[in-house]
Amino acid sequence: MKRIITVAEFSNALDVKYNLLKDMLEQAEIPYIISNENARLVEPFIHSPGNEAIEIKVYEDQFEEANEIFKSIR
């Protein structure tokens, strides 16, 4: 079973870098998983330990390539 690693965390689904990273991963044909996306869109947003950042995750064997893509947009 492949391990899944977080490449980036964002506090808002409307963040330009968040959307750019998703688009660039798709163009590079790197599959990704997003966690906590819908929870961060709930209004009013309540800050608590249970409300984590939106995470973009990739398989371990594609982490380096995905991380290079993320570095290019930082």
PDB file of N, CA and C in Angstrom:
ATOM      1  N   MET A   1       0.839  -1.182   0.000  1.00  0.00           N
ATOM      2  CA  MET A   1       0.000   0.000   0.000  1.00  0.00           C
ATOM      3  C   MET A   1       0.882   1.241   0.000  1.00  0.00           C
ATOM      4  N   LYS A   2       0.558   2.169  -0.880  1.00  0.00           N
ATOM      5  CA  LYS A   2       1.335   3.398  -0.982  1.00  0.00           C
ATOM      6  C   LYS A   2       1.001   4.348   0.165  1.00  0.00           C
ATOM      7  N   ARG A   3       2.013   5.024   0.652  1.00  0.00           N
ATOM      8  CA  ARG A   3       1.832   6.019   1.711  1.00  0.00           C
ATOM      9  C   ARG A   3       1.440   7.354   1.082  1.00  0.00           C
ATOM     10  N   ILE A   4       0.593   8.101   1.746  1.00  0.00           N
ATOM     11  CA  ILE A   4       0.142   9.409   1.270  1.00  0.00           C
ATOM     12  C   ILE A   4       0.768  10.487   2.160  1.00  0.00           C
ATOM     13  N   ILE A   5       1.336  11.515   1.513  1.00  0.00           N
ATOM     14  CA  ILE A   5       2.044  12.567   2.236  1.00  0.00           C
ATOM     15  C   ILE A   5       1.450  13.932   1.883  1.00  0.00           C
ATOM     16  N   THR A   6       1.350  14.812   2.877  1.00  0.00           N
ATOM     17  CA  THR A   6       0.859  16.169   2.653  1.00  0.00           C
ATOM     18  C   THR A   6       1.929  17.007   1.969  1.00  0.00           C
ATOM     19  N   VAL A   7       1.551  17.629   0.862  1.00  0.00           N
ATOM     20  CA  VAL A   7       2.451  18.513   0.120  1.00  0.00           C
ATOM     21  C   VAL A   7       2.282  19.945   0.606  1.00  0.00           C
ATOM     22  N   ALA A   8       1.034  20.350   0.841  1.00  0.00           N
ATOM     23  CA  ALA A   8       0.777  21.744   1.219  1.00  0.00           C
ATOM     24  C   ALA A   8      -0.484  21.841   2.063  1.00  0.00           C
ATOM     25  N   GLU A   9      -0.529  22.900   2.866  1.00  0.00           N
ATOM     26  CA  GLU A   9      -1.704  23.205   3.683  1.00  0.00           C
ATOM     27  C   GLU A   9      -2.142  24.633   3.390  1.00  0.00           C
ATOM     28  N   PHE A  10      -3.442  24.831   3.347  1.00  0.00           N
ATOM     29  CA  PHE A  10      -4.004  26.151   3.077  1.00  0.00           C
ATOM     30  C   PHE A  10      -5.134  26.419   4.059  1.00  0.00           C
ATOM     31  N   SER A  11      -5.356  27.680   4.359  1.00  0.00           N
ATOM     32  CA  SER A  11      -6.419  28.028   5.298  1.00  0.00           C
ATOM     33  C   SER A  11      -7.718  28.392   4.593  1.00  0.00           C
ATOM     34  N   ASN A  12      -7.668  28.512   3.253  1.00  0.00           N
ATOM     35  CA  ASN A  12      -8.834  28.982   2.533  1.00  0.00           C
ATOM     36  C   ASN A  12      -8.896  28.328   1.152  1.00  0.00           C
ATOM     37  N   ALA A  13     -10.046  27.816   0.774  1.00  0.00           N
ATOM     38  CA  ALA A  13     -10.212  27.183  -0.533  1.00  0.00           C
ATOM     39  C   ALA A  13     -10.215  28.202  -1.662  1.00  0.00           C
ATOM     40  N   LEU A  14     -10.297  29.460  -1.329  1.00  0.00           N
ATOM     41  CA  LEU A  14     -10.268  30.512  -2.347  1.00  0.00           C
ATOM     42  C   LEU A  14      -8.863  31.063  -2.572  1.00  0.00           C
ATOM     43  N   ASP A  15      -7.896  30.542  -1.858  1.00  0.00           N
ATOM     44  CA  ASP A  15      -6.496  30.958  -2.005  1.00  0.00           C
ATOM     45  C   ASP A  15      -6.028  30.669  -3.430  1.00  0.00           C
ATOM     46  N   VAL A  16      -5.432  31.661  -4.072  1.00  0.00           N
ATOM     47  CA  VAL A  16      -4.955  31.512  -5.448  1.00  0.00           C
ATOM     48  C   VAL A  16      -3.922  30.395  -5.553  1.00  0.00           C
ATOM     49  N   LYS A  17      -3.011  30.304  -4.598  1.00  0.00           N
ATOM     50  CA  LYS A  17      -1.973  29.265  -4.638  1.00  0.00           C
ATOM     51  C   LYS A  17      -2.572  27.874  -4.496  1.00  0.00           C
ATOM     52  N   TYR A  18      -3.616  27.758  -3.733  1.00  0.00           N
ATOM     53  CA  TYR A  18      -4.314  26.477  -3.560  1.00  0.00           C
ATOM     54  C   TYR A  18      -4.854  25.995  -4.901  1.00  0.00           C
ATOM     55  N   ASN A  19      -5.556  26.871  -5.585  1.00  0.00           N
ATOM     56  CA  ASN A  19      -6.143  26.514  -6.872  1.00  0.00           C
ATOM     57  C   ASN A  19      -5.088  26.319  -7.949  1.00  0.00           C
ATOM     58  N   LEU A  20      -4.035  27.111  -7.915  1.00  0.00           N
ATOM     59  CA  LEU A  20      -2.942  26.966  -8.871  1.00  0.00           C
ATOM     60  C   LEU A  20      -2.232  25.625  -8.682  1.00  0.00           C
ATOM     61  N   LEU A  21      -1.980  25.241  -7.440  1.00  0.00           N
ATOM     62  CA  LEU A  21      -1.320  23.969  -7.173  1.00  0.00           C
ATOM     63  C   LEU A  21      -2.168  22.807  -7.681  1.00  0.00           C
ATOM     64  N   LYS A  22      -3.463  22.845  -7.434  1.00  0.00           N
ATOM     65  CA  LYS A  22      -4.337  21.781  -7.938  1.00  0.00           C
ATOM     66  C   LYS A  22      -4.249  21.691  -9.459  1.00  0.00           C
ATOM     67  N   ASP A  23      -4.316  22.831 -10.132  1.00  0.00           N
ATOM     68  CA  ASP A  23      -4.249  22.851 -11.590  1.00  0.00           C
ATOM     69  C   ASP A  23      -2.912  22.311 -12.103  1.00  0.00           C
ATOM     70  N   MET A  24      -1.834  22.705 -11.450  1.00  0.00           N
ATOM     71  CA  MET A  24      -0.506  22.273 -11.889  1.00  0.00           C
ATOM     72  C   MET A  24      -0.292  20.783 -11.653  1.00  0.00           C
ATOM     73  N   LEU A  25      -0.823  20.259 -10.562  1.00  0.00           N
ATOM     74  CA  LEU A  25      -0.731  18.823 -10.313  1.00  0.00           C
ATOM     75  C   LEU A  25      -1.517  18.046 -11.364  1.00  0.00           C
ATOM     76  N   GLU A  26      -2.670  18.565 -11.733  1.00  0.00           N
ATOM     77  CA  GLU A  26      -3.461  17.913 -12.772  1.00  0.00           C
ATOM     78  C   GLU A  26      -2.720  17.927 -14.109  1.00  0.00           C
ATOM     79  N   GLN A  27      -2.098  19.057 -14.442  1.00  0.00           N
ATOM     80  CA  GLN A  27      -1.343  19.149 -15.694  1.00  0.00           C
ATOM     81  C   GLN A  27      -0.160  18.193 -15.707  1.00  0.00           C
ATOM     82  N   ALA A  28       0.456  17.988 -14.546  1.00  0.00           N
ATOM     83  CA  ALA A  28       1.591  17.067 -14.435  1.00  0.00           C
ATOM     84  C   ALA A  28       1.124  15.614 -14.292  1.00  0.00           C
ATOM     85  N   GLU A  29      -0.185  15.416 -14.288  1.00  0.00           N
ATOM     86  CA  GLU A  29      -0.798  14.097 -14.133  1.00  0.00           C
ATOM     87  C   GLU A  29      -0.387  13.401 -12.836  1.00  0.00           C
ATOM     88  N   ILE A  30      -0.337  14.210 -11.769  1.00  0.00           N
ATOM     89  CA  ILE A  30      -0.050  13.699 -10.431  1.00  0.00           C
ATOM     90  C   ILE A  30      -1.376  13.628  -9.682  1.00  0.00           C
ATOM     91  N   PRO A  31      -1.826  12.423  -9.339  1.00  0.00           N
ATOM     92  CA  PRO A  31      -3.075  12.323  -8.585  1.00  0.00           C
ATOM     93  C   PRO A  31      -2.904  12.896  -7.174  1.00  0.00           C
ATOM     94  N   TYR A  32      -3.935  13.549  -6.689  1.00  0.00           N
ATOM     95  CA  TYR A  32      -3.865  14.142  -5.352  1.00  0.00           C
ATOM     96  C   TYR A  32      -5.173  13.937  -4.615  1.00  0.00           C
ATOM     97  N   ILE A  33      -5.085  14.107  -3.310  1.00  0.00           N
ATOM     98  CA  ILE A  33      -6.242  13.997  -2.426  1.00  0.00           C
ATOM     99  C   ILE A  33      -6.336  15.299  -1.641  1.00  0.00           C
ATOM    100  N   ILE A  34      -7.546  15.778  -1.469  1.00  0.00           N
ATOM    101  CA  ILE A  34      -7.760  16.995  -0.683  1.00  0.00           C
ATOM    102  C   ILE A  34      -8.561  16.620   0.553  1.00  0.00           C
ATOM    103  N   SER A  35      -8.091  17.076   1.719  1.00  0.00           N
ATOM    104  CA  SER A  35      -8.858  16.829   2.939  1.00  0.00           C
ATOM    105  C   SER A  35      -9.226  18.152   3.594  1.00  0.00           C
ATOM    106  N   ASN A  36     -10.362  18.164   4.227  1.00  0.00           N
ATOM    107  CA  ASN A  36     -10.885  19.307   4.989  1.00  0.00           C
ATOM    108  C   ASN A  36     -11.365  20.468   4.128  1.00  0.00           C
ATOM    109  N   GLU A  37     -11.513  20.280   2.827  1.00  0.00           N
ATOM    110  CA  GLU A  37     -11.918  21.386   1.953  1.00  0.00           C
ATOM    111  C   GLU A  37     -13.299  21.916   2.312  1.00  0.00           C
ATOM    112  N   ASN A  38     -14.269  21.045   2.450  1.00  0.00           N
ATOM    113  CA  ASN A  38     -15.635  21.490   2.732  1.00  0.00           C
ATOM    114  C   ASN A  38     -15.787  22.063   4.129  1.00  0.00           C
ATOM    115  N   ALA A  39     -15.050  21.540   5.080  1.00  0.00           N
ATOM    116  CA  ALA A  39     -15.143  22.032   6.457  1.00  0.00           C
ATOM    117  C   ALA A  39     -14.692  23.485   6.557  1.00  0.00           C
ATOM    118  N   ARG A  40     -13.767  23.882   5.695  1.00  0.00           N
ATOM    119  CA  ARG A  40     -13.247  25.250   5.742  1.00  0.00           C
ATOM    120  C   ARG A  40     -14.169  26.248   5.061  1.00  0.00           C
ATOM    121  N   LEU A  41     -15.184  25.796   4.363  1.00  0.00           N
ATOM    122  CA  LEU A  41     -16.104  26.700   3.672  1.00  0.00           C
ATOM    123  C   LEU A  41     -17.360  27.005   4.484  1.00  0.00           C
ATOM    124  N   VAL A  42     -17.517  26.339   5.616  1.00  0.00           N
ATOM    125  CA  VAL A  42     -18.704  26.531   6.442  1.00  0.00           C
ATOM    126  C   VAL A  42     -18.665  27.920   7.080  1.00  0.00           C
ATOM    127  N   GLU A  43     -19.770  28.624   6.998  1.00  0.00           N
ATOM    128  CA  GLU A  43     -19.872  29.955   7.596  1.00  0.00           C
ATOM    129  C   GLU A  43     -20.890  29.906   8.732  1.00  0.00           C
ATOM    130  N   PRO A  44     -20.704  30.522   9.853  1.00  0.00           N
ATOM    131  CA  PRO A  44     -19.443  31.171  10.213  1.00  0.00           C
ATOM    132  C   PRO A  44     -18.396  30.122  10.584  1.00  0.00           C
ATOM    133  N   PHE A  45     -17.196  30.400  10.214  1.00  0.00           N
ATOM    134  CA  PHE A  45     -16.105  29.489  10.508  1.00  0.00           C
ATOM    135  C   PHE A  45     -15.698  29.644  11.967  1.00  0.00           C
ATOM    136  N   ILE A  46     -15.648  28.547  12.684  1.00  0.00           N
ATOM    137  CA  ILE A  46     -15.278  28.563  14.094  1.00  0.00           C
ATOM    138  C   ILE A  46     -13.874  28.009  14.221  1.00  0.00           C
ATOM    139  N   HIS A  47     -12.975  28.810  14.782  1.00  0.00           N
ATOM    140  CA  HIS A  47     -11.599  28.365  14.958  1.00  0.00           C
ATOM    141  C   HIS A  47     -11.502  27.478  16.187  1.00  0.00           C
ATOM    142  N   SER A  48     -11.138  26.236  15.951  1.00  0.00           N
ATOM    143  CA  SER A  48     -10.927  25.300  17.047  1.00  0.00           C
ATOM    144  C   SER A  48      -9.943  24.244  16.573  1.00  0.00           C
ATOM    145  N   PRO A  49      -9.377  23.480  17.480  1.00  0.00           N
ATOM    146  CA  PRO A  49      -8.410  22.445  17.082  1.00  0.00           C
ATOM    147  C   PRO A  49      -8.973  21.443  16.081  1.00  0.00           C
ATOM    148  N   GLY A  50     -10.277  21.249  16.061  1.00  0.00           N
ATOM    149  CA  GLY A  50     -10.878  20.313  15.131  1.00  0.00           C
ATOM    150  C   GLY A  50     -10.968  20.832  13.708  1.00  0.00           C
ATOM    151  N   ASN A  51     -10.824  22.140  13.533  1.00  0.00           N
ATOM    152  CA  ASN A  51     -10.882  22.750  12.203  1.00  0.00           C
ATOM    153  C   ASN A  51      -9.479  22.888  11.651  1.00  0.00           C
ATOM    154  N   GLU A  52      -9.077  21.885  10.926  1.00  0.00           N
ATOM    155  CA  GLU A  52      -7.717  21.843  10.420  1.00  0.00           C
ATOM    156  C   GLU A  52      -7.623  22.532   9.078  1.00  0.00           C
ATOM    157  N   ALA A  53      -6.401  22.745   8.646  1.00  0.00           N
ATOM    158  CA  ALA A  53      -6.148  23.353   7.352  1.00  0.00           C
ATOM    159  C   ALA A  53      -6.556  22.411   6.225  1.00  0.00           C
ATOM    160  N   ILE A  54      -6.813  22.982   5.071  1.00  0.00           N
ATOM    161  CA  ILE A  54      -7.050  22.184   3.878  1.00  0.00           C
ATOM    162  C   ILE A  54      -5.704  21.608   3.470  1.00  0.00           C
ATOM    163  N   GLU A  55      -5.662  20.313   3.247  1.00  0.00           N
ATOM    164  CA  GLU A  55      -4.413  19.651   2.896  1.00  0.00           C
ATOM    165  C   GLU A  55      -4.503  19.050   1.505  1.00  0.00           C
ATOM    166  N   ILE A  56      -3.429  19.245   0.722  1.00  0.00           N
ATOM    167  CA  ILE A  56      -3.289  18.567  -0.564  1.00  0.00           C
ATOM    168  C   ILE A  56      -2.240  17.496  -0.350  1.00  0.00           C
ATOM    169  N   LYS A  57      -2.628  16.249  -0.634  1.00  0.00           N
ATOM    170  CA  LYS A  57      -1.756  15.102  -0.381  1.00  0.00           C
ATOM    171  C   LYS A  57      -1.515  14.339  -1.680  1.00  0.00           C
ATOM    172  N   VAL A  58      -0.325  13.733  -1.768  1.00  0.00           N
ATOM    173  CA  VAL A  58       0.023  12.918  -2.932  1.00  0.00           C
ATOM    174  C   VAL A  58       0.649  11.614  -2.443  1.00  0.00           C
ATOM    175  N   TYR A  59       0.775  10.654  -3.363  1.00  0.00           N
ATOM    176  CA  TYR A  59       1.463   9.415  -3.023  1.00  0.00           C
ATOM    177  C   TYR A  59       2.947   9.690  -2.811  1.00  0.00           C
ATOM    178  N   GLU A  60       3.528   8.927  -1.915  1.00  0.00           N
ATOM    179  CA  GLU A  60       4.922   9.112  -1.516  1.00  0.00           C
ATOM    180  C   GLU A  60       5.880   9.121  -2.709  1.00  0.00           C
ATOM    181  N   ASP A  61       5.658   8.266  -3.688  1.00  0.00           N
ATOM    182  CA  ASP A  61       6.578   8.193  -4.818  1.00  0.00           C
ATOM    183  C   ASP A  61       6.474   9.395  -5.763  1.00  0.00           C
ATOM    184  N   GLN A  62       5.468  10.248  -5.581  1.00  0.00           N
ATOM    185  CA  GLN A  62       5.334  11.454  -6.400  1.00  0.00           C
ATOM    186  C   GLN A  62       5.499  12.728  -5.580  1.00  0.00           C
ATOM    187  N   PHE A  63       5.882  12.561  -4.316  1.00  0.00           N
ATOM    188  CA  PHE A  63       6.008  13.711  -3.433  1.00  0.00           C
ATOM    189  C   PHE A  63       7.058  14.712  -3.915  1.00  0.00           C
ATOM    190  N   GLU A  64       8.220  14.238  -4.314  1.00  0.00           N
ATOM    191  CA  GLU A  64       9.295  15.155  -4.726  1.00  0.00           C
ATOM    192  C   GLU A  64       8.858  16.032  -5.892  1.00  0.00           C
ATOM    193  N   GLU A  65       8.247  15.431  -6.891  1.00  0.00           N
ATOM    194  CA  GLU A  65       7.785  16.196  -8.050  1.00  0.00           C
ATOM    195  C   GLU A  65       6.696  17.193  -7.652  1.00  0.00           C
ATOM    196  N   ALA A  66       5.763  16.752  -6.828  1.00  0.00           N
ATOM    197  CA  ALA A  66       4.690  17.635  -6.373  1.00  0.00           C
ATOM    198  C   ALA A  66       5.245  18.769  -5.508  1.00  0.00           C
ATOM    199  N   ASN A  67       6.230  18.470  -4.686  1.00  0.00           N
ATOM    200  CA  ASN A  67       6.829  19.488  -3.833  1.00  0.00           C
ATOM    201  C   ASN A  67       7.574  20.530  -4.666  1.00  0.00           C
ATOM    202  N   GLU A  68       8.234  20.106  -5.734  1.00  0.00           N
ATOM    203  CA  GLU A  68       8.915  21.045  -6.633  1.00  0.00           C
ATOM    204  C   GLU A  68       7.897  21.973  -7.286  1.00  0.00           C
ATOM    205  N   ILE A  69       6.754  21.442  -7.659  1.00  0.00           N
ATOM    206  CA  ILE A  69       5.689  22.266  -8.228  1.00  0.00           C
ATOM    207  C   ILE A  69       5.219  23.285  -7.205  1.00  0.00           C
ATOM    208  N   PHE A  70       5.015  22.841  -5.963  1.00  0.00           N
ATOM    209  CA  PHE A  70       4.565  23.749  -4.917  1.00  0.00           C
ATOM    210  C   PHE A  70       5.613  24.837  -4.645  1.00  0.00           C
ATOM    211  N   LYS A  71       6.882  24.463  -4.619  1.00  0.00           N
ATOM    212  CA  LYS A  71       7.954  25.449  -4.405  1.00  0.00           C
ATOM    213  C   LYS A  71       7.946  26.516  -5.500  1.00  0.00           C
ATOM    214  N   SER A  72       7.608  26.129  -6.717  1.00  0.00           N
ATOM    215  CA  SER A  72       7.631  27.071  -7.828  1.00  0.00           C
ATOM    216  C   SER A  72       6.545  28.153  -7.718  1.00  0.00           C
ATOM    217  N   ILE A  73       5.526  27.913  -6.913  1.00  0.00           N
ATOM    218  CA  ILE A  73       4.460  28.908  -6.767  1.00  0.00           C
ATOM    219  C   ILE A  73       4.468  29.621  -5.425  1.00  0.00           C
ATOM    220  N   ARG A  74       5.368  29.266  -4.562  1.00  0.00           N
ATOM    221  CA  ARG A  74       5.428  29.920  -3.238  1.00  0.00           C
ATOM    222  C   ARG A  74       5.786  31.328  -3.358  1.00  0.00           C
TER     223      ARG A  74
END
